[in-house]
Every structure is written in C-alpha cells, then in structure tokens.
Amino acid sequence: MLIAKGGAVVLGHDWRPGGVMSEIARFAEHDRLLNRRSEKHPAILNCVESGEHDAPPAPVPEGRLQREVVGSLQELRRRVTELSDARICLGGKLAGYSGPIPGVLEEALLAARAGQTVLISAALGGAAGWLAESLLAGRPQRPLPVYRAKEAAQQGLPKSPAALVEELAERFEGLEPEERALHRRLWQTTHLDAAQAVLLEILGVARRRAPRRPEES
C-alpha cells in the first residue's frame, strides 16, 4: 500500500531462511526494477536483529542470553525509529515477550517521544489492539499479563500500563482536531482494508503539517 504510493517501509526483524522476509525482499526487488528506484531511496529498509540467539556459538547462562536478546531488540527498535518518519503499530504479543513490556508498546513510545506520527491499529488485535482500546477509553481496559514495572522504570519506560496510556494520550491530545479525530477512527476500525484507508488519510494530514525537507523544496 505505502510502497505502491511511492513511500518506503522500514522493517525491524530477525531474518529466517524461507520466512516472510524472503518474500518481502523479492517484492522490494521487483518494485525497484519496475519503478527504477535508486539505492538512495529504496522501497524497503531492513534492520535485522544482531546476534544468532537461536544457536549461540557456545553455551551461555540462560539469564545472560535473555539479557542479550532484550538488548538487541531494544537497539533494533531505536534504530528503526531513527530511520522512520512514522510508526505503524499492528498486532504484537500480549504474552511471552522478552522485554519488560510488549515490544509494540515500546515502539509506540519511542516513536511518540521522537515526535513521529504513531498509527495504532486494532485490526489484528494483540498489543496494538490493547493500546487502541485503552486510548479510546483513556485508561487500560484489560490488564496486561506481565508488566515488569521495575525493569521498565530502569529503562526509562512508564512504570505502569496506566502511565503508558496516559503518556501516549497526552501526545495525541496535542494534535489538531482533524488529525485527532482520524486517529480515533483508526483505533475503532477492526477491518484491515478500512484501517488502511484511514492510515493513508492520517499520513496525508501529517505530511501537510510537517516542515518541508530541503530536497522537497
């Protein structure tokens, strides 16, 4: 959708042979050939998690391996934020995550704190769905199975799910009424096709209010 309209997508992931990322890579190459995209302006930028945590070269203590995984994923999220202008939050784990809070929630916070447009869709449920319904209500509507408050505070993250929702809600309240209303529509939309249409509307509004880059002048 975004690529077809001339945009670029930044992906953060681990790359597994034969997985979905192989298909995305083939699509990106096909798009580049059709549209003559340059290496300076690719359709897809890939940020791959460092470290081969599935098969470490030597036995390591489980706690240390877990810390390495968490640190690697957090660095990946920071790098994706640096490369992006907006963040799409879709799906995401509500249990079994490695860090102190669900990764999608951390990504939403990083993007919001960087002043980026944060697009939160409930279309696939999961952590993004939890966040969408919580923002609509102004407070968490369901408890998260795990929220490691002490670890979260040590990493500069909100100390509770309620504090997380409050911080993000304040940032959305700072938007103009038109844009704020579109975000609320996105949070309420549970069908993916309809969510895509609202998402594009929000990006159009955000692009109009953003300062023009030198190369766009």
N, C-alpha and C. Protein backbone atom coordinates (compact mmCIF):
# COMPACT_ATOMS: atom_id res chain seq x y z
N MET A 1 0.82 -1.20 0.00
CA MET A 1 0.00 0.00 0.00
C MET A 1 0.87 1.26 0.00
N LEU A 2 1.74 1.40 1.00
CA LEU A 2 2.61 2.58 1.08
C LEU A 2 3.64 2.58 -0.04
N ILE A 3 4.21 1.42 -0.31
CA ILE A 3 5.21 1.31 -1.37
C ILE A 3 4.60 1.65 -2.72
N ALA A 4 3.38 1.19 -2.96
CA ALA A 4 2.71 1.45 -4.24
C ALA A 4 2.49 2.95 -4.45
N LYS A 5 2.41 3.71 -3.37
CA LYS A 5 2.21 5.16 -3.48
C LYS A 5 3.53 5.93 -3.43
N GLY A 6 4.65 5.20 -3.55
CA GLY A 6 5.95 5.85 -3.62
C GLY A 6 6.65 5.99 -2.30
N GLY A 7 6.07 5.44 -1.22
CA GLY A 7 6.68 5.53 0.09
C GLY A 7 7.72 4.45 0.29
N ALA A 8 8.33 4.47 1.45
CA ALA A 8 9.30 3.45 1.83
C ALA A 8 8.91 2.90 3.19
N VAL A 9 9.27 1.66 3.43
CA VAL A 9 8.93 0.98 4.67
C VAL A 9 10.21 0.53 5.36
N VAL A 10 10.32 0.80 6.65
CA VAL A 10 11.45 0.33 7.46
C VAL A 10 10.96 -0.84 8.29
N LEU A 11 11.64 -1.97 8.18
CA LEU A 11 11.25 -3.18 8.89
C LEU A 11 12.32 -3.58 9.89
N GLY A 12 11.90 -3.92 11.09
CA GLY A 12 12.80 -4.45 12.10
C GLY A 12 12.42 -5.88 12.39
N HIS A 13 13.38 -6.82 12.32
CA HIS A 13 13.03 -8.23 12.43
C HIS A 13 14.28 -9.08 12.54
N ASP A 14 14.08 -10.36 12.80
CA ASP A 14 15.15 -11.32 12.59
C ASP A 14 14.84 -12.05 11.28
N TRP A 15 15.87 -12.38 10.55
CA TRP A 15 15.68 -12.94 9.21
C TRP A 15 15.87 -14.45 9.27
N ARG A 16 14.81 -15.16 8.90
CA ARG A 16 14.87 -16.62 8.91
C ARG A 16 14.74 -17.14 7.47
N PRO A 17 15.64 -18.02 7.03
CA PRO A 17 15.58 -18.54 5.66
C PRO A 17 14.20 -19.12 5.35
N GLY A 18 13.64 -18.71 4.20
CA GLY A 18 12.35 -19.22 3.79
C GLY A 18 11.17 -18.56 4.47
N GLY A 19 11.43 -17.57 5.33
CA GLY A 19 10.35 -16.90 6.05
C GLY A 19 9.72 -15.79 5.23
N VAL A 20 8.84 -15.04 5.88
CA VAL A 20 8.09 -13.99 5.19
C VAL A 20 9.01 -12.90 4.66
N MET A 21 10.14 -12.66 5.35
CA MET A 21 11.04 -11.60 4.90
C MET A 21 11.66 -11.91 3.54
N SER A 22 11.84 -13.18 3.23
CA SER A 22 12.36 -13.54 1.90
C SER A 22 11.38 -13.11 0.82
N GLU A 23 10.09 -13.29 1.07
CA GLU A 23 9.08 -12.86 0.12
C GLU A 23 9.04 -11.35 -0.01
N ILE A 24 9.17 -10.65 1.11
CA ILE A 24 9.17 -9.19 1.08
C ILE A 24 10.39 -8.68 0.30
N ALA A 25 11.52 -9.33 0.48
CA ALA A 25 12.72 -8.93 -0.26
C ALA A 25 12.52 -9.08 -1.75
N ARG A 26 11.89 -10.17 -2.16
CA ARG A 26 11.62 -10.37 -3.59
C ARG A 26 10.67 -9.30 -4.12
N PHE A 27 9.66 -8.95 -3.30
CA PHE A 27 8.73 -7.90 -3.71
C PHE A 27 9.46 -6.56 -3.87
N ALA A 28 10.35 -6.25 -2.93
CA ALA A 28 11.09 -4.98 -2.99
C ALA A 28 11.96 -4.91 -4.23
N GLU A 29 12.61 -6.02 -4.57
CA GLU A 29 13.44 -6.05 -5.76
C GLU A 29 12.59 -5.87 -7.02
N HIS A 30 11.44 -6.51 -7.05
CA HIS A 30 10.52 -6.36 -8.19
C HIS A 30 10.07 -4.91 -8.32
N ASP A 31 9.74 -4.28 -7.19
CA ASP A 31 9.32 -2.88 -7.20
C ASP A 31 10.45 -1.98 -7.70
N ARG A 32 11.66 -2.25 -7.26
CA ARG A 32 12.80 -1.43 -7.68
C ARG A 32 13.00 -1.50 -9.18
N LEU A 33 12.87 -2.70 -9.74
CA LEU A 33 13.06 -2.86 -11.17
C LEU A 33 11.96 -2.17 -11.97
N LEU A 34 10.72 -2.28 -11.48
CA LEU A 34 9.60 -1.67 -12.19
C LEU A 34 9.63 -0.15 -12.12
N ASN A 35 9.97 0.38 -10.97
CA ASN A 35 9.89 1.83 -10.75
C ASN A 35 11.23 2.53 -10.78
N ARG A 36 12.29 1.78 -11.08
CA ARG A 36 13.64 2.34 -11.19
C ARG A 36 14.03 3.12 -9.93
N ARG A 37 13.75 2.53 -8.80
CA ARG A 37 14.14 3.17 -7.55
C ARG A 37 15.65 3.10 -7.40
N SER A 38 16.22 4.15 -6.84
CA SER A 38 17.66 4.17 -6.64
C SER A 38 17.99 3.55 -5.29
N GLU A 39 19.27 3.18 -5.12
CA GLU A 39 19.70 2.64 -3.83
C GLU A 39 19.59 3.71 -2.74
N LYS A 40 19.61 4.98 -3.11
CA LYS A 40 19.49 6.07 -2.13
C LYS A 40 18.07 6.16 -1.59
N HIS A 41 17.08 5.74 -2.39
CA HIS A 41 15.67 5.82 -1.99
C HIS A 41 15.00 4.46 -2.20
N PRO A 42 15.38 3.45 -1.39
CA PRO A 42 14.82 2.11 -1.59
C PRO A 42 13.38 2.02 -1.10
N ALA A 43 12.68 0.99 -1.57
CA ALA A 43 11.30 0.77 -1.15
C ALA A 43 11.24 0.22 0.27
N ILE A 44 12.22 -0.62 0.63
CA ILE A 44 12.22 -1.25 1.94
C ILE A 44 13.62 -1.15 2.53
N LEU A 45 13.68 -0.71 3.78
CA LEU A 45 14.92 -0.71 4.54
C LEU A 45 14.79 -1.79 5.61
N ASN A 46 15.77 -2.68 5.69
CA ASN A 46 15.72 -3.77 6.65
C ASN A 46 16.69 -3.53 7.79
N CYS A 47 16.19 -3.60 9.01
CA CYS A 47 17.02 -3.58 10.20
C CYS A 47 16.90 -4.96 10.83
N VAL A 48 17.99 -5.69 10.84
CA VAL A 48 17.95 -7.08 11.31
C VAL A 48 18.55 -7.16 12.70
N GLU A 49 17.87 -7.87 13.59
CA GLU A 49 18.36 -8.05 14.94
C GLU A 49 19.74 -8.68 14.91
N SER A 50 20.67 -8.15 15.70
CA SER A 50 22.02 -8.71 15.74
C SER A 50 22.07 -9.92 16.65
N GLY A 51 22.98 -10.80 16.37
CA GLY A 51 23.15 -11.97 17.23
C GLY A 51 22.35 -13.16 16.74
N GLU A 52 22.93 -14.34 16.86
CA GLU A 52 22.25 -15.56 16.47
C GLU A 52 21.79 -16.26 17.74
N HIS A 53 20.68 -15.76 18.29
CA HIS A 53 20.26 -16.23 19.61
C HIS A 53 19.65 -17.63 19.58
N ASP A 54 19.20 -18.09 18.40
CA ASP A 54 18.64 -19.43 18.33
C ASP A 54 19.72 -20.50 18.47
N ALA A 55 20.93 -20.15 18.06
CA ALA A 55 22.01 -21.13 18.11
C ALA A 55 23.30 -20.44 18.52
N PRO A 56 23.50 -20.12 19.79
CA PRO A 56 24.71 -19.44 20.22
C PRO A 56 25.94 -20.30 19.98
N PRO A 57 27.08 -19.69 19.67
CA PRO A 57 28.28 -20.46 19.33
C PRO A 57 28.79 -21.29 20.49
N ALA A 58 28.46 -20.92 21.73
CA ALA A 58 28.91 -21.67 22.90
C ALA A 58 27.84 -21.54 23.97
N PRO A 59 27.77 -22.52 24.87
CA PRO A 59 26.75 -22.44 25.93
C PRO A 59 26.93 -21.18 26.78
N VAL A 60 25.83 -20.50 27.04
CA VAL A 60 25.86 -19.31 27.90
C VAL A 60 24.73 -19.42 28.90
N PRO A 61 24.87 -18.79 30.07
CA PRO A 61 23.79 -18.85 31.05
C PRO A 61 22.49 -18.30 30.49
N GLU A 62 21.37 -18.92 30.87
CA GLU A 62 20.08 -18.52 30.30
C GLU A 62 19.77 -17.06 30.57
N GLY A 63 20.06 -16.57 31.78
CA GLY A 63 19.79 -15.18 32.12
C GLY A 63 20.57 -14.21 31.24
N ARG A 64 21.83 -14.54 30.99
CA ARG A 64 22.66 -13.69 30.14
C ARG A 64 22.14 -13.67 28.71
N LEU A 65 21.75 -14.85 28.21
CA LEU A 65 21.22 -14.93 26.85
C LEU A 65 19.95 -14.10 26.73
N GLN A 66 19.08 -14.17 27.75
CA GLN A 66 17.85 -13.38 27.73
C GLN A 66 18.16 -11.90 27.70
N ARG A 67 19.14 -11.44 28.49
CA ARG A 67 19.51 -10.02 28.50
C ARG A 67 20.04 -9.59 27.14
N GLU A 68 20.80 -10.47 26.48
CA GLU A 68 21.33 -10.14 25.17
C GLU A 68 20.21 -10.01 24.14
N VAL A 69 19.24 -10.90 24.22
CA VAL A 69 18.11 -10.82 23.29
C VAL A 69 17.35 -9.52 23.50
N VAL A 70 17.05 -9.20 24.76
CA VAL A 70 16.31 -7.98 25.07
C VAL A 70 17.08 -6.75 24.59
N GLY A 71 18.38 -6.70 24.91
CA GLY A 71 19.19 -5.55 24.49
C GLY A 71 19.25 -5.40 22.99
N SER A 72 19.39 -6.52 22.29
CA SER A 72 19.45 -6.49 20.83
C SER A 72 18.15 -5.98 20.23
N LEU A 73 17.01 -6.44 20.76
CA LEU A 73 15.72 -5.99 20.26
C LEU A 73 15.48 -4.51 20.55
N GLN A 74 15.92 -4.05 21.72
CA GLN A 74 15.74 -2.63 22.06
C GLN A 74 16.59 -1.75 21.15
N GLU A 75 17.80 -2.18 20.86
CA GLU A 75 18.64 -1.41 19.94
C GLU A 75 18.03 -1.40 18.54
N LEU A 76 17.46 -2.54 18.13
CA LEU A 76 16.78 -2.63 16.84
C LEU A 76 15.64 -1.62 16.77
N ARG A 77 14.84 -1.53 17.83
CA ARG A 77 13.71 -0.59 17.84
C ARG A 77 14.18 0.86 17.77
N ARG A 78 15.26 1.16 18.47
CA ARG A 78 15.81 2.53 18.42
C ARG A 78 16.28 2.86 17.01
N ARG A 79 16.93 1.91 16.36
CA ARG A 79 17.45 2.15 15.01
C ARG A 79 16.31 2.36 14.02
N VAL A 80 15.26 1.55 14.13
CA VAL A 80 14.10 1.72 13.26
C VAL A 80 13.49 3.10 13.45
N THR A 81 13.43 3.56 14.69
CA THR A 81 12.88 4.90 14.97
C THR A 81 13.73 5.97 14.32
N GLU A 82 15.04 5.83 14.37
CA GLU A 82 15.94 6.81 13.75
C GLU A 82 15.72 6.92 12.25
N LEU A 83 15.36 5.81 11.62
CA LEU A 83 15.23 5.77 10.16
C LEU A 83 13.83 6.14 9.67
N SER A 84 12.89 6.32 10.60
CA SER A 84 11.48 6.46 10.23
C SER A 84 10.96 7.87 10.43
N ASP A 85 9.86 8.17 9.73
CA ASP A 85 9.10 9.41 9.94
C ASP A 85 7.79 9.13 10.66
N ALA A 86 7.32 7.87 10.59
CA ALA A 86 6.06 7.49 11.22
C ALA A 86 6.17 6.02 11.62
N ARG A 87 5.33 5.63 12.55
CA ARG A 87 5.35 4.25 13.04
C ARG A 87 3.95 3.64 12.94
N ILE A 88 3.85 2.46 12.31
CA ILE A 88 2.60 1.73 12.26
C ILE A 88 2.66 0.60 13.29
N CYS A 89 1.72 0.60 14.22
CA CYS A 89 1.65 -0.41 15.26
C CYS A 89 0.48 -1.34 14.95
N LEU A 90 0.79 -2.61 14.73
CA LEU A 90 -0.21 -3.56 14.27
C LEU A 90 0.08 -4.91 14.92
N GLY A 91 -0.91 -5.48 15.60
CA GLY A 91 -0.72 -6.78 16.24
C GLY A 91 0.27 -6.69 17.40
N GLY A 92 1.06 -7.72 17.56
CA GLY A 92 2.07 -7.74 18.62
C GLY A 92 1.67 -8.63 19.78
N LYS A 93 2.68 -9.20 20.43
CA LYS A 93 2.45 -10.12 21.53
C LYS A 93 1.86 -9.42 22.76
N LEU A 94 0.95 -10.11 23.43
CA LEU A 94 0.45 -9.68 24.73
C LEU A 94 0.97 -10.57 25.85
N ALA A 95 1.70 -11.61 25.50
CA ALA A 95 2.29 -12.51 26.49
C ALA A 95 3.51 -13.15 25.85
N GLY A 96 4.46 -13.55 26.68
CA GLY A 96 5.63 -14.24 26.18
C GLY A 96 6.67 -13.34 25.54
N TYR A 97 6.60 -12.02 25.79
CA TYR A 97 7.59 -11.12 25.22
C TYR A 97 8.85 -11.10 26.07
N SER A 98 9.96 -10.68 25.46
CA SER A 98 11.26 -10.78 26.12
C SER A 98 11.53 -9.61 27.07
N GLY A 99 11.07 -8.42 26.70
CA GLY A 99 11.39 -7.23 27.49
C GLY A 99 10.42 -7.00 28.64
N PRO A 100 10.55 -5.86 29.31
CA PRO A 100 9.67 -5.58 30.45
C PRO A 100 8.23 -5.27 30.06
N ILE A 101 8.03 -4.80 28.81
CA ILE A 101 6.68 -4.51 28.32
C ILE A 101 6.58 -5.04 26.89
N PRO A 102 5.38 -5.20 26.36
CA PRO A 102 5.26 -5.67 24.97
C PRO A 102 6.04 -4.78 24.00
N GLY A 103 6.71 -5.42 23.04
CA GLY A 103 7.55 -4.67 22.12
C GLY A 103 6.81 -3.60 21.33
N VAL A 104 5.59 -3.88 20.91
CA VAL A 104 4.81 -2.90 20.14
C VAL A 104 4.56 -1.65 20.97
N LEU A 105 4.33 -1.82 22.27
CA LEU A 105 4.10 -0.65 23.12
C LEU A 105 5.38 0.18 23.27
N GLU A 106 6.50 -0.50 23.38
CA GLU A 106 7.79 0.21 23.45
C GLU A 106 8.04 0.98 22.15
N GLU A 107 7.72 0.36 21.03
CA GLU A 107 7.91 1.01 19.74
C GLU A 107 7.03 2.25 19.60
N ALA A 108 5.79 2.15 20.06
CA ALA A 108 4.89 3.31 20.01
C ALA A 108 5.43 4.45 20.85
N LEU A 109 5.96 4.14 22.02
CA LEU A 109 6.53 5.17 22.89
C LEU A 109 7.76 5.82 22.27
N LEU A 110 8.65 5.00 21.72
CA LEU A 110 9.86 5.55 21.09
C LEU A 110 9.50 6.52 19.98
N ALA A 111 8.55 6.13 19.14
CA ALA A 111 8.15 6.98 18.02
C ALA A 111 7.49 8.26 18.52
N ALA A 112 6.60 8.15 19.51
CA ALA A 112 5.91 9.33 20.04
C ALA A 112 6.90 10.29 20.67
N ARG A 113 7.86 9.76 21.42
CA ARG A 113 8.86 10.62 22.06
C ARG A 113 9.77 11.28 21.04
N ALA A 114 9.89 10.66 19.87
CA ALA A 114 10.70 11.25 18.79
C ALA A 114 9.89 12.24 17.96
N GLY A 115 8.63 12.45 18.33
CA GLY A 115 7.79 13.41 17.60
C GLY A 115 7.22 12.87 16.30
N GLN A 116 7.22 11.55 16.13
CA GLN A 116 6.72 10.96 14.90
C GLN A 116 5.22 10.71 14.96
N THR A 117 4.63 10.53 13.80
CA THR A 117 3.23 10.12 13.72
C THR A 117 3.15 8.65 14.12
N VAL A 118 2.29 8.33 15.08
CA VAL A 118 2.14 6.96 15.56
C VAL A 118 0.75 6.46 15.17
N LEU A 119 0.72 5.46 14.32
CA LEU A 119 -0.54 4.91 13.78
C LEU A 119 -0.81 3.58 14.46
N ILE A 120 -1.83 3.55 15.30
CA ILE A 120 -2.14 2.38 16.12
C ILE A 120 -3.43 1.75 15.60
N SER A 121 -3.33 0.53 15.12
CA SER A 121 -4.48 -0.14 14.53
C SER A 121 -4.91 -1.32 15.40
N ALA A 122 -6.22 -1.47 15.57
CA ALA A 122 -6.77 -2.61 16.30
C ALA A 122 -7.12 -3.76 15.37
N ALA A 123 -6.82 -3.62 14.07
CA ALA A 123 -7.31 -4.58 13.07
C ALA A 123 -6.81 -6.01 13.30
N LEU A 124 -5.62 -6.16 13.87
CA LEU A 124 -5.09 -7.50 14.12
C LEU A 124 -5.05 -7.83 15.60
N GLY A 125 -5.69 -7.02 16.42
CA GLY A 125 -5.73 -7.29 17.86
C GLY A 125 -4.35 -7.16 18.49
N GLY A 126 -4.04 -8.07 19.41
CA GLY A 126 -2.72 -8.09 20.05
C GLY A 126 -2.45 -6.85 20.87
N ALA A 127 -1.16 -6.54 21.02
CA ALA A 127 -0.76 -5.40 21.85
C ALA A 127 -1.26 -4.08 21.27
N ALA A 128 -1.23 -3.95 19.94
CA ALA A 128 -1.72 -2.72 19.32
C ALA A 128 -3.22 -2.57 19.55
N GLY A 129 -3.96 -3.68 19.49
CA GLY A 129 -5.39 -3.64 19.77
C GLY A 129 -5.66 -3.24 21.21
N TRP A 130 -4.88 -3.77 22.14
CA TRP A 130 -4.98 -3.38 23.56
C TRP A 130 -4.76 -1.88 23.71
N LEU A 131 -3.74 -1.36 23.02
CA LEU A 131 -3.42 0.06 23.13
C LEU A 131 -4.52 0.92 22.52
N ALA A 132 -5.05 0.50 21.38
CA ALA A 132 -6.12 1.27 20.73
C ALA A 132 -7.35 1.38 21.63
N GLU A 133 -7.78 0.27 22.19
CA GLU A 133 -8.98 0.32 23.04
C GLU A 133 -8.71 1.08 24.34
N SER A 134 -7.48 1.04 24.83
CA SER A 134 -7.13 1.77 26.05
C SER A 134 -7.11 3.28 25.78
N LEU A 135 -6.59 3.69 24.63
CA LEU A 135 -6.57 5.10 24.29
C LEU A 135 -7.99 5.63 24.07
N LEU A 136 -8.84 4.84 23.48
CA LEU A 136 -10.23 5.25 23.29
C LEU A 136 -10.92 5.51 24.63
N ALA A 137 -10.62 4.67 25.62
CA ALA A 137 -11.26 4.79 26.92
C ALA A 137 -10.51 5.75 27.86
N GLY A 138 -9.25 6.05 27.52
CA GLY A 138 -8.46 6.92 28.39
C GLY A 138 -7.78 6.19 29.53
N ARG A 139 -7.87 4.87 29.55
CA ARG A 139 -7.23 4.06 30.59
C ARG A 139 -7.21 2.61 30.11
N PRO A 140 -6.33 1.78 30.67
CA PRO A 140 -6.30 0.37 30.27
C PRO A 140 -7.64 -0.31 30.52
N GLN A 141 -8.13 -1.04 29.51
CA GLN A 141 -9.40 -1.73 29.63
C GLN A 141 -9.23 -3.19 30.05
N ARG A 142 -8.03 -3.70 29.87
CA ARG A 142 -7.72 -5.07 30.29
C ARG A 142 -6.33 -5.07 30.90
N PRO A 143 -6.10 -5.87 31.94
CA PRO A 143 -4.75 -5.94 32.50
C PRO A 143 -3.80 -6.65 31.53
N LEU A 144 -2.56 -6.21 31.49
CA LEU A 144 -1.55 -6.94 30.73
C LEU A 144 -1.09 -8.13 31.57
N PRO A 145 -0.89 -9.30 30.94
CA PRO A 145 -0.47 -10.48 31.71
C PRO A 145 0.82 -10.24 32.50
N VAL A 146 1.75 -9.50 31.88
CA VAL A 146 3.03 -9.22 32.54
C VAL A 146 3.42 -7.78 32.23
N TYR A 147 3.78 -7.03 33.28
CA TYR A 147 4.34 -5.69 33.09
C TYR A 147 5.40 -5.53 34.18
N ARG A 148 6.66 -5.64 33.78
CA ARG A 148 7.76 -5.63 34.74
C ARG A 148 8.11 -4.18 35.07
N ALA A 149 7.42 -3.65 36.07
CA ALA A 149 7.48 -2.22 36.38
C ALA A 149 8.90 -1.76 36.73
N LYS A 150 9.61 -2.55 37.53
CA LYS A 150 10.95 -2.14 37.95
C LYS A 150 11.90 -2.06 36.76
N GLU A 151 11.88 -3.09 35.92
CA GLU A 151 12.73 -3.09 34.73
C GLU A 151 12.33 -1.96 33.78
N ALA A 152 11.04 -1.74 33.64
CA ALA A 152 10.56 -0.67 32.76
C ALA A 152 11.09 0.68 33.22
N ALA A 153 10.99 0.95 34.52
CA ALA A 153 11.46 2.23 35.06
C ALA A 153 12.97 2.39 34.85
N GLN A 154 13.72 1.32 34.99
CA GLN A 154 15.17 1.38 34.80
C GLN A 154 15.53 1.73 33.35
N GLN A 155 14.66 1.38 32.43
CA GLN A 155 14.91 1.64 31.01
C GLN A 155 14.21 2.90 30.51
N GLY A 156 13.68 3.69 31.44
CA GLY A 156 13.04 4.95 31.05
C GLY A 156 11.64 4.78 30.48
N LEU A 157 11.02 3.64 30.73
CA LEU A 157 9.66 3.38 30.26
C LEU A 157 8.67 3.66 31.38
N PRO A 158 7.40 3.90 31.06
CA PRO A 158 6.41 4.18 32.10
C PRO A 158 6.34 3.06 33.13
N LYS A 159 6.04 3.43 34.37
CA LYS A 159 6.09 2.48 35.49
C LYS A 159 4.87 1.55 35.54
N SER A 160 3.84 1.84 34.76
CA SER A 160 2.63 1.02 34.78
C SER A 160 1.91 1.13 33.45
N PRO A 161 1.03 0.19 33.12
CA PRO A 161 0.22 0.32 31.90
C PRO A 161 -0.59 1.62 31.88
N ALA A 162 -1.12 2.02 33.04
CA ALA A 162 -1.91 3.26 33.08
C ALA A 162 -1.04 4.47 32.74
N ALA A 163 0.20 4.49 33.26
CA ALA A 163 1.11 5.60 32.96
C ALA A 163 1.48 5.61 31.49
N LEU A 164 1.63 4.45 30.89
CA LEU A 164 1.95 4.36 29.46
C LEU A 164 0.81 4.94 28.63
N VAL A 165 -0.43 4.53 28.93
CA VAL A 165 -1.58 5.04 28.18
C VAL A 165 -1.71 6.55 28.38
N GLU A 166 -1.48 7.01 29.59
CA GLU A 166 -1.59 8.45 29.87
C GLU A 166 -0.57 9.25 29.07
N GLU A 167 0.68 8.77 29.00
CA GLU A 167 1.71 9.49 28.25
C GLU A 167 1.35 9.58 26.77
N LEU A 168 0.92 8.47 26.19
CA LEU A 168 0.58 8.49 24.77
C LEU A 168 -0.67 9.33 24.51
N ALA A 169 -1.65 9.25 25.40
CA ALA A 169 -2.88 10.02 25.23
C ALA A 169 -2.58 11.52 25.22
N GLU A 170 -1.66 11.96 26.08
CA GLU A 170 -1.30 13.38 26.12
C GLU A 170 -0.70 13.84 24.80
N ARG A 171 0.06 12.98 24.16
CA ARG A 171 0.67 13.34 22.87
C ARG A 171 -0.37 13.44 21.77
N PHE A 172 -1.36 12.56 21.80
CA PHE A 172 -2.43 12.65 20.80
C PHE A 172 -3.31 13.88 21.06
N GLU A 173 -3.48 14.26 22.32
CA GLU A 173 -4.29 15.44 22.65
C GLU A 173 -3.66 16.71 22.08
N GLY A 174 -2.36 16.69 21.83
CA GLY A 174 -1.68 17.86 21.30
C GLY A 174 -1.87 18.05 19.80
N LEU A 175 -2.55 17.12 19.14
CA LEU A 175 -2.78 17.23 17.69
C LEU A 175 -3.96 18.14 17.40
N GLU A 176 -4.04 18.59 16.15
CA GLU A 176 -5.20 19.38 15.72
C GLU A 176 -6.45 18.48 15.71
N PRO A 177 -7.63 19.07 15.90
CA PRO A 177 -8.86 18.26 15.98
C PRO A 177 -9.06 17.30 14.82
N GLU A 178 -8.78 17.74 13.58
CA GLU A 178 -8.97 16.88 12.41
C GLU A 178 -8.11 15.62 12.51
N GLU A 179 -6.85 15.81 12.85
CA GLU A 179 -5.94 14.67 12.91
C GLU A 179 -6.28 13.78 14.10
N ARG A 180 -6.65 14.38 15.21
CA ARG A 180 -7.01 13.60 16.40
C ARG A 180 -8.25 12.73 16.12
N ALA A 181 -9.21 13.28 15.39
CA ALA A 181 -10.42 12.51 15.05
C ALA A 181 -10.09 11.33 14.13
N LEU A 182 -9.15 11.52 13.22
CA LEU A 182 -8.75 10.43 12.34
C LEU A 182 -8.09 9.30 13.13
N HIS A 183 -7.26 9.67 14.10
CA HIS A 183 -6.63 8.64 14.92
C HIS A 183 -7.68 7.84 15.69
N ARG A 184 -8.69 8.52 16.21
CA ARG A 184 -9.74 7.81 16.92
C ARG A 184 -10.49 6.85 15.99
N ARG A 185 -10.69 7.27 14.75
CA ARG A 185 -11.30 6.37 13.76
C ARG A 185 -10.43 5.13 13.55
N LEU A 186 -9.13 5.34 13.47
CA LEU A 186 -8.21 4.22 13.26
C LEU A 186 -8.27 3.25 14.45
N TRP A 187 -8.31 3.80 15.67
CA TRP A 187 -8.37 2.94 16.86
C TRP A 187 -9.65 2.11 16.89
N GLN A 188 -10.71 2.65 16.33
CA GLN A 188 -12.01 1.96 16.35
C GLN A 188 -12.19 0.96 15.22
N THR A 189 -11.37 1.08 14.18
CA THR A 189 -11.54 0.26 12.98
C THR A 189 -10.91 -1.11 13.17
N THR A 190 -11.72 -2.15 12.99
CA THR A 190 -11.23 -3.51 13.19
C THR A 190 -11.04 -4.28 11.88
N HIS A 191 -11.41 -3.67 10.75
CA HIS A 191 -11.20 -4.31 9.44
C HIS A 191 -9.96 -3.72 8.78
N LEU A 192 -9.09 -4.59 8.30
CA LEU A 192 -7.79 -4.16 7.80
C LEU A 192 -7.90 -3.21 6.61
N ASP A 193 -8.79 -3.49 5.66
CA ASP A 193 -8.93 -2.63 4.48
C ASP A 193 -9.36 -1.22 4.89
N ALA A 194 -10.33 -1.12 5.80
CA ALA A 194 -10.78 0.19 6.27
C ALA A 194 -9.68 0.89 7.04
N ALA A 195 -8.91 0.13 7.81
CA ALA A 195 -7.80 0.72 8.57
C ALA A 195 -6.75 1.31 7.63
N GLN A 196 -6.48 0.64 6.52
CA GLN A 196 -5.50 1.14 5.56
C GLN A 196 -5.93 2.49 5.01
N ALA A 197 -7.21 2.65 4.71
CA ALA A 197 -7.71 3.91 4.16
C ALA A 197 -7.55 5.04 5.17
N VAL A 198 -7.87 4.78 6.44
CA VAL A 198 -7.73 5.81 7.47
C VAL A 198 -6.25 6.13 7.70
N LEU A 199 -5.44 5.11 7.68
CA LEU A 199 -4.00 5.30 7.86
C LEU A 199 -3.43 6.25 6.81
N LEU A 200 -3.83 6.06 5.56
CA LEU A 200 -3.35 6.94 4.49
C LEU A 200 -3.84 8.37 4.69
N GLU A 201 -5.07 8.53 5.18
CA GLU A 201 -5.58 9.87 5.47
C GLU A 201 -4.73 10.56 6.52
N ILE A 202 -4.40 9.83 7.57
CA ILE A 202 -3.59 10.41 8.65
C ILE A 202 -2.21 10.80 8.14
N LEU A 203 -1.60 9.93 7.36
CA LEU A 203 -0.28 10.25 6.82
C LEU A 203 -0.33 11.48 5.92
N GLY A 204 -1.43 11.64 5.16
CA GLY A 204 -1.57 12.82 4.32
C GLY A 204 -1.66 14.09 5.14
N VAL A 205 -2.44 14.06 6.23
CA VAL A 205 -2.55 15.22 7.11
C VAL A 205 -1.20 15.52 7.77
N ALA A 206 -0.53 14.48 8.25
CA ALA A 206 0.75 14.66 8.92
C ALA A 206 1.79 15.24 7.95
N ARG A 207 1.75 14.79 6.71
CA ARG A 207 2.71 15.29 5.72
C ARG A 207 2.48 16.77 5.43
N ARG A 208 1.22 17.19 5.38
CA ARG A 208 0.91 18.60 5.11
C ARG A 208 1.37 19.52 6.23
N ARG A 209 1.32 19.04 7.48
CA ARG A 209 1.71 19.91 8.59
C ARG A 209 3.21 19.84 8.88
N ALA A 210 3.90 18.83 8.35
CA ALA A 210 5.33 18.68 8.64
C ALA A 210 6.15 19.71 7.86
N PRO A 211 7.27 20.19 8.43
CA PRO A 211 8.15 21.10 7.69
C PRO A 211 8.70 20.41 6.45
N ARG A 212 8.81 21.15 5.39
CA ARG A 212 9.35 20.59 4.15
C ARG A 212 10.83 20.35 4.28
N ARG A 213 11.28 19.20 3.78
CA ARG A 213 12.72 18.90 3.79
C ARG A 213 13.39 19.67 2.67
N PRO A 214 14.71 19.94 2.82
CA PRO A 214 15.42 20.71 1.80
C PRO A 214 15.28 20.11 0.40
N GLU A 215 15.33 18.74 0.32
CA GLU A 215 15.25 18.14 -1.02
C GLU A 215 13.87 18.22 -1.63
N GLU A 216 12.84 18.58 -0.80
CA GLU A 216 11.49 18.68 -1.31
C GLU A 216 11.14 20.11 -1.71
N SER A 217 12.00 21.07 -1.41
CA SER A 217 11.73 22.49 -1.70
C SER A 217 11.82 22.76 -3.19
